[in-house]
Amino acid sequence: MRISEEFHEYIASHKRDDETMEDTLRRLIGGPHPEDVAGILSSDTAATMRSRLDAKHEADADEKRTLRERFE
């Protein structure tokens, strides 16, 4: 994952001595730890969600590519 130097510095400035950068990010964004949500979804539901996210990512990439081509 790429982030700007400024954002990295922001995260690092909030990092506690006993935390990894991932721990710090999770704390700052308030996201759940993967172990806390493991097993909530059935395998079928997780596969469906993964498929939809992949399709959305692909559509977003296509849209960005089209936009980039318009400016070339």
PDB file of N, CA and C in Angstrom:
ATOM      1  N   MET A   1       0.851  -1.162   0.000  1.00  0.00           N
ATOM      2  CA  MET A   1       0.000   0.000   0.000  1.00  0.00           C
ATOM      3  C   MET A   1       0.898   1.226   0.000  1.00  0.00           C
ATOM      4  N   ARG A   2       0.638   2.115  -0.890  1.00  0.00           N
ATOM      5  CA  ARG A   2       1.419   3.358  -0.942  1.00  0.00           C
ATOM      6  C   ARG A   2       0.689   4.464  -0.218  1.00  0.00           C
ATOM      7  N   ILE A   3       1.453   5.218   0.559  1.00  0.00           N
ATOM      8  CA  ILE A   3       0.907   6.401   1.215  1.00  0.00           C
ATOM      9  C   ILE A   3       1.950   7.509   1.079  1.00  0.00           C
ATOM     10  N   SER A   4       1.470   8.727   1.190  1.00  0.00           N
ATOM     11  CA  SER A   4       2.390   9.853   1.065  1.00  0.00           C
ATOM     12  C   SER A   4       3.333   9.897   2.263  1.00  0.00           C
ATOM     13  N   GLU A   5       4.446  10.564   2.069  1.00  0.00           N
ATOM     14  CA  GLU A   5       5.410  10.720   3.158  1.00  0.00           C
ATOM     15  C   GLU A   5       4.783  11.473   4.323  1.00  0.00           C
ATOM     16  N   GLU A   6       3.960  12.473   3.998  1.00  0.00           N
ATOM     17  CA  GLU A   6       3.309  13.256   5.038  1.00  0.00           C
ATOM     18  C   GLU A   6       2.377  12.397   5.884  1.00  0.00           C
ATOM     19  N   PHE A   7       1.618  11.519   5.209  1.00  0.00           N
ATOM     20  CA  PHE A   7       0.689  10.655   5.937  1.00  0.00           C
ATOM     21  C   PHE A   7       1.460   9.643   6.774  1.00  0.00           C
ATOM     22  N   HIS A   8       2.535   9.116   6.235  1.00  0.00           N
ATOM     23  CA  HIS A   8       3.368   8.183   6.996  1.00  0.00           C
ATOM     24  C   HIS A   8       3.900   8.869   8.255  1.00  0.00           C
ATOM     25  N   GLU A   9       4.360  10.100   8.116  1.00  0.00           N
ATOM     26  CA  GLU A   9       4.861  10.842   9.265  1.00  0.00           C
ATOM     27  C   GLU A   9       3.759  11.076  10.296  1.00  0.00           C
ATOM     28  N   TYR A  10       2.552  11.344   9.802  1.00  0.00           N
ATOM     29  CA  TYR A  10       1.409  11.540  10.705  1.00  0.00           C
ATOM     30  C   TYR A  10       1.151  10.266  11.514  1.00  0.00           C
ATOM     31  N   ILE A  11       1.114   9.139  10.828  1.00  0.00           N
ATOM     32  CA  ILE A  11       0.874   7.868  11.515  1.00  0.00           C
ATOM     33  C   ILE A  11       2.001   7.590  12.501  1.00  0.00           C
ATOM     34  N   ALA A  12       3.235   7.763  12.047  1.00  0.00           N
ATOM     35  CA  ALA A  12       4.393   7.502  12.909  1.00  0.00           C
ATOM     36  C   ALA A  12       4.363   8.388  14.152  1.00  0.00           C
ATOM     37  N   SER A  13       3.885   9.619  14.016  1.00  0.00           N
ATOM     38  CA  SER A  13       3.844  10.522  15.166  1.00  0.00           C
ATOM     39  C   SER A  13       2.819  10.078  16.207  1.00  0.00           C
ATOM     40  N   HIS A  14       1.848   9.254  15.796  1.00  0.00           N
ATOM     41  CA  HIS A  14       0.829   8.752  16.712  1.00  0.00           C
ATOM     42  C   HIS A  14       1.116   7.330  17.183  1.00  0.00           C
ATOM     43  N   LYS A  15       2.190   6.745  16.682  1.00  0.00           N
ATOM     44  CA  LYS A  15       2.533   5.367  17.024  1.00  0.00           C
ATOM     45  C   LYS A  15       3.040   5.286  18.460  1.00  0.00           C
ATOM     46  N   ARG A  16       2.508   4.331  19.187  1.00  0.00           N
ATOM     47  CA  ARG A  16       2.949   4.093  20.559  1.00  0.00           C
ATOM     48  C   ARG A  16       4.123   3.120  20.529  1.00  0.00           C
ATOM     49  N   ASP A  17       4.945   3.157  21.563  1.00  0.00           N
ATOM     50  CA  ASP A  17       6.148   2.324  21.598  1.00  0.00           C
ATOM     51  C   ASP A  17       5.851   0.835  21.456  1.00  0.00           C
ATOM     52  N   ASP A  18       4.727   0.397  21.968  1.00  0.00           N
ATOM     53  CA  ASP A  18       4.400  -1.033  21.940  1.00  0.00           C
ATOM     54  C   ASP A  18       3.559  -1.435  20.724  1.00  0.00           C
ATOM     55  N   GLU A  19       3.380  -0.530  19.770  1.00  0.00           N
ATOM     56  CA  GLU A  19       2.546  -0.801  18.607  1.00  0.00           C
ATOM     57  C   GLU A  19       3.368  -0.997  17.337  1.00  0.00           C
ATOM     58  N   THR A  20       2.803  -1.799  16.437  1.00  0.00           N
ATOM     59  CA  THR A  20       3.317  -1.844  15.075  1.00  0.00           C
ATOM     60  C   THR A  20       2.588  -0.740  14.309  1.00  0.00           C
ATOM     61  N   MET A  21       3.046  -0.458  13.102  1.00  0.00           N
ATOM     62  CA  MET A  21       2.343   0.550  12.291  1.00  0.00           C
ATOM     63  C   MET A  21       0.909   0.098  12.019  1.00  0.00           C
ATOM     64  N   GLU A  22       0.719  -1.206  11.809  1.00  0.00           N
ATOM     65  CA  GLU A  22      -0.635  -1.729  11.590  1.00  0.00           C
ATOM     66  C   GLU A  22      -1.501  -1.487  12.817  1.00  0.00           C
ATOM     67  N   ASP A  23      -0.979  -1.765  13.991  1.00  0.00           N
ATOM     68  CA  ASP A  23      -1.732  -1.512  15.224  1.00  0.00           C
ATOM     69  C   ASP A  23      -2.145  -0.047  15.316  1.00  0.00           C
ATOM     70  N   THR A  24      -1.207   0.834  14.976  1.00  0.00           N
ATOM     71  CA  THR A  24      -1.480   2.273  15.038  1.00  0.00           C
ATOM     72  C   THR A  24      -2.579   2.654  14.058  1.00  0.00           C
ATOM     73  N   LEU A  25      -2.490   2.163  12.843  1.00  0.00           N
ATOM     74  CA  LEU A  25      -3.534   2.454  11.847  1.00  0.00           C
ATOM     75  C   LEU A  25      -4.890   1.954  12.316  1.00  0.00           C
ATOM     76  N   ARG A  26      -4.930   0.735  12.822  1.00  0.00           N
ATOM     77  CA  ARG A  26      -6.204   0.182  13.302  1.00  0.00           C
ATOM     78  C   ARG A  26      -6.782   1.044  14.431  1.00  0.00           C
ATOM     79  N   ARG A  27      -5.932   1.482  15.329  1.00  0.00           N
ATOM     80  CA  ARG A  27      -6.397   2.322  16.429  1.00  0.00           C
ATOM     81  C   ARG A  27      -6.917   3.652  15.906  1.00  0.00           C
ATOM     82  N   LEU A  28      -6.190   4.258  14.964  1.00  0.00           N
ATOM     83  CA  LEU A  28      -6.592   5.568  14.445  1.00  0.00           C
ATOM     84  C   LEU A  28      -7.886   5.515  13.648  1.00  0.00           C
ATOM     85  N   ILE A  29      -8.090   4.452  12.885  1.00  0.00           N
ATOM     86  CA  ILE A  29      -9.307   4.380  12.070  1.00  0.00           C
ATOM     87  C   ILE A  29     -10.442   3.660  12.775  1.00  0.00           C
ATOM     88  N   GLY A  30     -10.119   3.038  13.905  1.00  0.00           N
ATOM     89  CA  GLY A  30     -11.171   2.385  14.673  1.00  0.00           C
ATOM     90  C   GLY A  30     -11.666   1.088  14.053  1.00  0.00           C
ATOM     91  N   GLY A  31     -10.889   0.491  13.160  1.00  0.00           N
ATOM     92  CA  GLY A  31     -11.295  -0.752  12.530  1.00  0.00           C
ATOM     93  C   GLY A  31     -11.112  -1.942  13.444  1.00  0.00           C
ATOM     94  N   PRO A  32     -11.898  -2.981  13.214  1.00  0.00           N
ATOM     95  CA  PRO A  32     -11.767  -4.167  14.048  1.00  0.00           C
ATOM     96  C   PRO A  32     -10.506  -4.958  13.701  1.00  0.00           C
ATOM     97  N   HIS A  33     -10.004  -5.679  14.660  1.00  0.00           N
ATOM     98  CA  HIS A  33      -8.875  -6.568  14.427  1.00  0.00           C
ATOM     99  C   HIS A  33      -9.427  -7.803  13.697  1.00  0.00           C
ATOM    100  N   PRO A  34      -8.709  -8.331  12.711  1.00  0.00           N
ATOM    101  CA  PRO A  34      -9.209  -9.496  11.959  1.00  0.00           C
ATOM    102  C   PRO A  34      -9.623 -10.663  12.853  1.00  0.00           C
ATOM    103  N   GLU A  35      -8.913 -10.885  13.943  1.00  0.00           N
ATOM    104  CA  GLU A  35      -9.280 -11.982  14.840  1.00  0.00           C
ATOM    105  C   GLU A  35     -10.640 -11.761  15.493  1.00  0.00           C
ATOM    106  N   ASP A  36     -11.029 -10.497  15.636  1.00  0.00           N
ATOM    107  CA  ASP A  36     -12.313 -10.188  16.255  1.00  0.00           C
ATOM    108  C   ASP A  36     -13.490 -10.491  15.341  1.00  0.00           C
ATOM    109  N   VAL A  37     -13.270 -10.509  14.035  1.00  0.00           N
ATOM    110  CA  VAL A  37     -14.368 -10.728  13.090  1.00  0.00           C
ATOM    111  C   VAL A  37     -14.249 -12.038  12.327  1.00  0.00           C
ATOM    112  N   ALA A  38     -13.209 -12.809  12.615  1.00  0.00           N
ATOM    113  CA  ALA A  38     -13.017 -14.094  11.933  1.00  0.00           C
ATOM    114  C   ALA A  38     -14.198 -15.018  12.217  1.00  0.00           C
ATOM    115  N   GLY A  39     -14.687 -15.642  11.159  1.00  0.00           N
ATOM    116  CA  GLY A  39     -15.760 -16.616  11.307  1.00  0.00           C
ATOM    117  C   GLY A  39     -17.158 -16.045  11.284  1.00  0.00           C
ATOM    118  N   ILE A  40     -17.305 -14.740  11.154  1.00  0.00           N
ATOM    119  CA  ILE A  40     -18.642 -14.137  11.152  1.00  0.00           C
ATOM    120  C   ILE A  40     -19.388 -14.463   9.858  1.00  0.00           C
ATOM    121  N   LEU A  41     -18.669 -14.437   8.740  1.00  0.00           N
ATOM    122  CA  LEU A  41     -19.288 -14.707   7.441  1.00  0.00           C
ATOM    123  C   LEU A  41     -19.120 -16.167   7.063  1.00  0.00           C
ATOM    124  N   SER A  42     -20.131 -16.685   6.366  1.00  0.00           N
ATOM    125  CA  SER A  42     -19.980 -18.034   5.826  1.00  0.00           C
ATOM    126  C   SER A  42     -18.984 -17.963   4.666  1.00  0.00           C
ATOM    127  N   SER A  43     -18.443 -19.090   4.292  1.00  0.00           N
ATOM    128  CA  SER A  43     -17.494 -19.136   3.168  1.00  0.00           C
ATOM    129  C   SER A  43     -18.146 -18.642   1.892  1.00  0.00           C
ATOM    130  N   ASP A  44     -19.410 -18.994   1.668  1.00  0.00           N
ATOM    131  CA  ASP A  44     -20.123 -18.560   0.459  1.00  0.00           C
ATOM    132  C   ASP A  44     -20.313 -17.047   0.439  1.00  0.00           C
ATOM    133  N   THR A  45     -20.708 -16.483   1.577  1.00  0.00           N
ATOM    134  CA  THR A  45     -20.903 -15.036   1.656  1.00  0.00           C
ATOM    135  C   THR A  45     -19.580 -14.315   1.455  1.00  0.00           C
ATOM    136  N   ALA A  46     -18.522 -14.815   2.073  1.00  0.00           N
ATOM    137  CA  ALA A  46     -17.204 -14.198   1.916  1.00  0.00           C
ATOM    138  C   ALA A  46     -16.751 -14.265   0.460  1.00  0.00           C
ATOM    139  N   ALA A  47     -16.977 -15.381  -0.205  1.00  0.00           N
ATOM    140  CA  ALA A  47     -16.588 -15.524  -1.616  1.00  0.00           C
ATOM    141  C   ALA A  47     -17.374 -14.558  -2.488  1.00  0.00           C
ATOM    142  N   THR A  48     -18.659 -14.402  -2.216  1.00  0.00           N
ATOM    143  CA  THR A  48     -19.490 -13.457  -2.976  1.00  0.00           C
ATOM    144  C   THR A  48     -18.996 -12.035  -2.780  1.00  0.00           C
ATOM    145  N   MET A  49     -18.713 -11.670  -1.541  1.00  0.00           N
ATOM    146  CA  MET A  49     -18.217 -10.325  -1.261  1.00  0.00           C
ATOM    147  C   MET A  49     -16.872 -10.094  -1.942  1.00  0.00           C
ATOM    148  N   ARG A  50     -15.992 -11.078  -1.872  1.00  0.00           N
ATOM    149  CA  ARG A  50     -14.680 -10.953  -2.506  1.00  0.00           C
ATOM    150  C   ARG A  50     -14.833 -10.759  -4.008  1.00  0.00           C
ATOM    151  N   SER A  51     -15.730 -11.514  -4.610  1.00  0.00           N
ATOM    152  CA  SER A  51     -15.972 -11.407  -6.048  1.00  0.00           C
ATOM    153  C   SER A  51     -16.487 -10.015  -6.414  1.00  0.00           C
ATOM    154  N   ARG A  52     -17.417  -9.508  -5.642  1.00  0.00           N
ATOM    155  CA  ARG A  52     -17.972  -8.169  -5.907  1.00  0.00           C
ATOM    156  C   ARG A  52     -16.916  -7.078  -5.715  1.00  0.00           C
ATOM    157  N   LEU A  53     -16.085  -7.232  -4.692  1.00  0.00           N
ATOM    158  CA  LEU A  53     -15.011  -6.253  -4.488  1.00  0.00           C
ATOM    159  C   LEU A  53     -14.001  -6.293  -5.624  1.00  0.00           C
ATOM    160  N   ASP A  54     -13.678  -7.493  -6.107  1.00  0.00           N
ATOM    161  CA  ASP A  54     -12.760  -7.617  -7.240  1.00  0.00           C
ATOM    162  C   ASP A  54     -13.346  -6.956  -8.480  1.00  0.00           C
ATOM    163  N   ALA A  55     -14.642  -7.169  -8.718  1.00  0.00           N
ATOM    164  CA  ALA A  55     -15.303  -6.560  -9.873  1.00  0.00           C
ATOM    165  C   ALA A  55     -15.308  -5.038  -9.752  1.00  0.00           C
ATOM    166  N   LYS A  56     -15.561  -4.535  -8.553  1.00  0.00           N
ATOM    167  CA  LYS A  56     -15.555  -3.082  -8.322  1.00  0.00           C
ATOM    168  C   LYS A  56     -14.161  -2.522  -8.546  1.00  0.00           C
ATOM    169  N   HIS A  57     -13.140  -3.218  -8.055  1.00  0.00           N
ATOM    170  CA  HIS A  57     -11.760  -2.770  -8.253  1.00  0.00           C
ATOM    171  C   HIS A  57     -11.430  -2.723  -9.733  1.00  0.00           C
ATOM    172  N   GLU A  58     -11.847  -3.744 -10.462  1.00  0.00           N
ATOM    173  CA  GLU A  58     -11.591  -3.801 -11.896  1.00  0.00           C
ATOM    174  C   GLU A  58     -12.301  -2.661 -12.625  1.00  0.00           C
ATOM    175  N   ALA A  59     -13.549  -2.403 -12.255  1.00  0.00           N
ATOM    176  CA  ALA A  59     -14.306  -1.308 -12.874  1.00  0.00           C
ATOM    177  C   ALA A  59     -13.654   0.034 -12.572  1.00  0.00           C
ATOM    178  N   ASP A  60     -13.199   0.230 -11.337  1.00  0.00           N
ATOM    179  CA  ASP A  60     -12.519   1.468 -10.968  1.00  0.00           C
ATOM    180  C   ASP A  60     -11.231   1.639 -11.767  1.00  0.00           C
ATOM    181  N   ALA A  61     -10.481   0.547 -11.935  1.00  0.00           N
ATOM    182  CA  ALA A  61      -9.231   0.605 -12.698  1.00  0.00           C
ATOM    183  C   ALA A  61      -9.517   0.963 -14.155  1.00  0.00           C
ATOM    184  N   ASP A  62     -10.579   0.391 -14.722  1.00  0.00           N
ATOM    185  CA  ASP A  62     -10.954   0.703 -16.098  1.00  0.00           C
ATOM    186  C   ASP A  62     -11.343   2.170 -16.240  1.00  0.00           C
ATOM    187  N   GLU A  63     -12.083   2.665 -15.264  1.00  0.00           N
ATOM    188  CA  GLU A  63     -12.507   4.067 -15.294  1.00  0.00           C
ATOM    189  C   GLU A  63     -11.299   5.002 -15.213  1.00  0.00           C
ATOM    190  N   LYS A  64     -10.368   4.686 -14.352  1.00  0.00           N
ATOM    191  CA  LYS A  64      -9.149   5.505 -14.233  1.00  0.00           C
ATOM    192  C   LYS A  64      -8.329   5.456 -15.508  1.00  0.00           C
ATOM    193  N   ARG A  65      -8.238   4.275 -16.100  1.00  0.00           N
ATOM    194  CA  ARG A  65      -7.484   4.129 -17.342  1.00  0.00           C
ATOM    195  C   ARG A  65      -8.123   4.969 -18.453  1.00  0.00           C
ATOM    196  N   THR A  66      -9.442   4.927 -18.546  1.00  0.00           N
ATOM    197  CA  THR A  66     -10.158   5.713 -19.553  1.00  0.00           C
ATOM    198  C   THR A  66      -9.937   7.207 -19.336  1.00  0.00           C
ATOM    199  N   LEU A  67     -10.018   7.647 -18.102  1.00  0.00           N
ATOM    200  CA  LEU A  67      -9.801   9.050 -17.779  1.00  0.00           C
ATOM    201  C   LEU A  67      -8.379   9.477 -18.126  1.00  0.00           C
ATOM    202  N   ARG A  68      -7.418   8.639 -17.794  1.00  0.00           N
ATOM    203  CA  ARG A  68      -6.012   8.927 -18.097  1.00  0.00           C
ATOM    204  C   ARG A  68      -5.806   9.069 -19.616  1.00  0.00           C
ATOM    205  N   GLU A  69      -6.426   8.174 -20.382  1.00  0.00           N
ATOM    206  CA  GLU A  69      -6.297   8.206 -21.829  1.00  0.00           C
ATOM    207  C   GLU A  69      -6.880   9.484 -22.415  1.00  0.00           C
ATOM    208  N   ARG A  70      -7.935  10.014 -21.802  1.00  0.00           N
ATOM    209  CA  ARG A  70      -8.526  11.267 -22.292  1.00  0.00           C
ATOM    210  C   ARG A  70      -7.571  12.434 -22.171  1.00  0.00           C
ATOM    211  N   PHE A  71      -6.644  12.373 -21.218  1.00  0.00           N
ATOM    212  CA  PHE A  71      -5.719  13.468 -20.999  1.00  0.00           C
ATOM    213  C   PHE A  71      -4.383  13.287 -21.685  1.00  0.00           C
ATOM    214  N   GLU A  72      -4.208  12.192 -22.377  1.00  0.00           N
ATOM    215  CA  GLU A  72      -2.931  11.961 -23.066  1.00  0.00           C
ATOM    216  C   GLU A  72      -2.945  12.582 -24.441  1.00  0.00           C
TER     217      GLU A  72
END
